[in-house]
Amino acid sequence: MQTNTNEHKINQSVDNVAAGAHQAVDRAASAANQAAESLSDTGHDMKETQEKWLAVAREYVQENPATALGIALAGGYLLSRLLRAD
């Protein structure tokens, strides 16, 4: 009789631990899913921003080709000076 009661207590404890672990896994999966959705939304927003900036830059270069070329040359020169290993 005592063995049967102990077995029942052990089984109940194992079931409780398994249920708790299952709940923890569900919470972790839910949090990961929410994070993935948030990152997806952020990525979409960043892509839209990139496309807008690219359109503005393209329009500026078309309207001011000489100025755009000067800016590109100056930027390239400054970048080469910064990265030079002297």
Protein backbone atom coordinates (compact mmCIF):
# COMPACT_ATOMS: atom_id res chain seq x y z
CA MET A 1 0.00 0.00 0.00
CA GLN A 2 2.83 2.41 0.94
CA THR A 3 4.64 1.68 -2.35
CA ASN A 4 1.52 2.46 -4.32
CA THR A 5 1.13 5.83 -2.55
CA ASN A 6 4.77 6.72 -3.14
CA GLU A 7 4.45 5.80 -6.82
CA HIS A 8 1.39 7.99 -7.10
CA LYS A 9 3.24 10.93 -5.48
CA ILE A 10 6.23 10.43 -7.78
CA ASN A 11 4.01 10.24 -10.86
CA GLN A 12 2.16 13.36 -9.76
CA SER A 13 5.46 15.20 -9.21
CA VAL A 14 6.74 14.14 -12.63
CA ASP A 15 3.49 15.30 -14.23
CA ASN A 16 3.75 18.67 -12.46
CA VAL A 17 7.35 19.14 -13.60
CA ALA A 18 6.44 18.15 -17.17
CA ALA A 19 3.50 20.57 -17.20
CA GLY A 20 5.72 23.38 -15.87
CA ALA A 21 8.37 22.64 -18.50
CA HIS A 22 5.72 22.61 -21.23
CA GLN A 23 4.43 26.00 -20.07
CA ALA A 24 7.97 27.41 -20.04
CA VAL A 25 8.58 26.16 -23.59
CA ASP A 26 5.28 27.67 -24.72
CA ARG A 27 6.18 31.04 -23.16
CA ALA A 28 9.64 30.97 -24.77
CA ALA A 29 8.17 30.09 -28.17
CA SER A 30 5.63 32.88 -27.84
CA ALA A 31 8.32 35.41 -26.93
CA ALA A 32 10.49 34.26 -29.84
CA ASN A 33 7.54 34.55 -32.20
CA GLN A 34 6.79 38.09 -31.02
CA ALA A 35 10.45 39.07 -31.41
CA ALA A 36 10.53 37.66 -34.93
CA GLU A 37 7.39 39.59 -35.88
CA SER A 38 8.85 42.78 -34.42
CA LEU A 39 12.10 42.31 -36.33
CA SER A 40 10.16 41.63 -39.51
CA ASP A 41 8.18 44.85 -39.05
CA THR A 42 11.37 46.80 -38.33
CA GLY A 43 13.05 45.32 -41.39
CA HIS A 44 10.09 46.30 -43.54
CA ASP A 45 10.17 49.85 -42.17
CA MET A 46 13.92 50.09 -42.78
CA LYS A 47 13.47 48.87 -46.36
CA GLU A 48 10.84 51.55 -46.99
CA THR A 49 13.15 54.22 -45.52
CA GLN A 50 16.02 53.01 -47.71
CA GLU A 51 13.85 53.20 -50.81
CA LYS A 52 12.75 56.75 -49.94
CA TRP A 53 16.34 57.91 -49.35
CA LEU A 54 17.47 56.28 -52.58
CA ALA A 55 14.72 58.06 -54.50
CA VAL A 56 15.72 61.41 -52.95
CA ALA A 57 19.40 60.80 -53.73
CA ARG A 58 18.61 59.75 -57.30
CA GLU A 59 16.51 62.90 -57.81
CA TYR A 60 19.26 65.12 -56.37
CA VAL A 61 21.91 63.58 -58.64
CA GLN A 62 19.67 64.05 -61.69
CA GLU A 63 19.02 67.69 -60.81
CA ASN A 64 22.60 68.52 -59.69
CA PRO A 65 25.05 66.16 -61.43
CA ALA A 66 28.14 68.37 -61.04
CA THR A 67 27.52 68.99 -57.34
CA ALA A 68 26.82 65.29 -56.76
CA LEU A 69 30.08 64.37 -58.49
CA GLY A 70 31.98 66.89 -56.36
CA ILE A 71 30.44 65.51 -53.18
CA ALA A 72 31.32 61.95 -54.23
CA LEU A 73 34.92 62.90 -55.01
CA ALA A 74 35.34 64.80 -51.74
CA GLY A 75 33.79 61.94 -49.77
CA GLY A 76 36.04 59.39 -51.47
CA TYR A 77 39.12 61.53 -50.80
CA LEU A 78 38.25 61.96 -47.12
CA LEU A 79 37.48 58.27 -46.73
CA SER A 80 40.80 57.31 -48.33
CA ARG A 81 42.65 59.69 -45.98
CA LEU A 82 40.89 58.22 -42.95
CA LEU A 83 41.60 54.64 -43.97
CA ARG A 84 45.17 55.18 -45.06
CA ALA A 85 47.60 53.18 -42.94
CA ASP A 86 50.25 55.88 -42.34
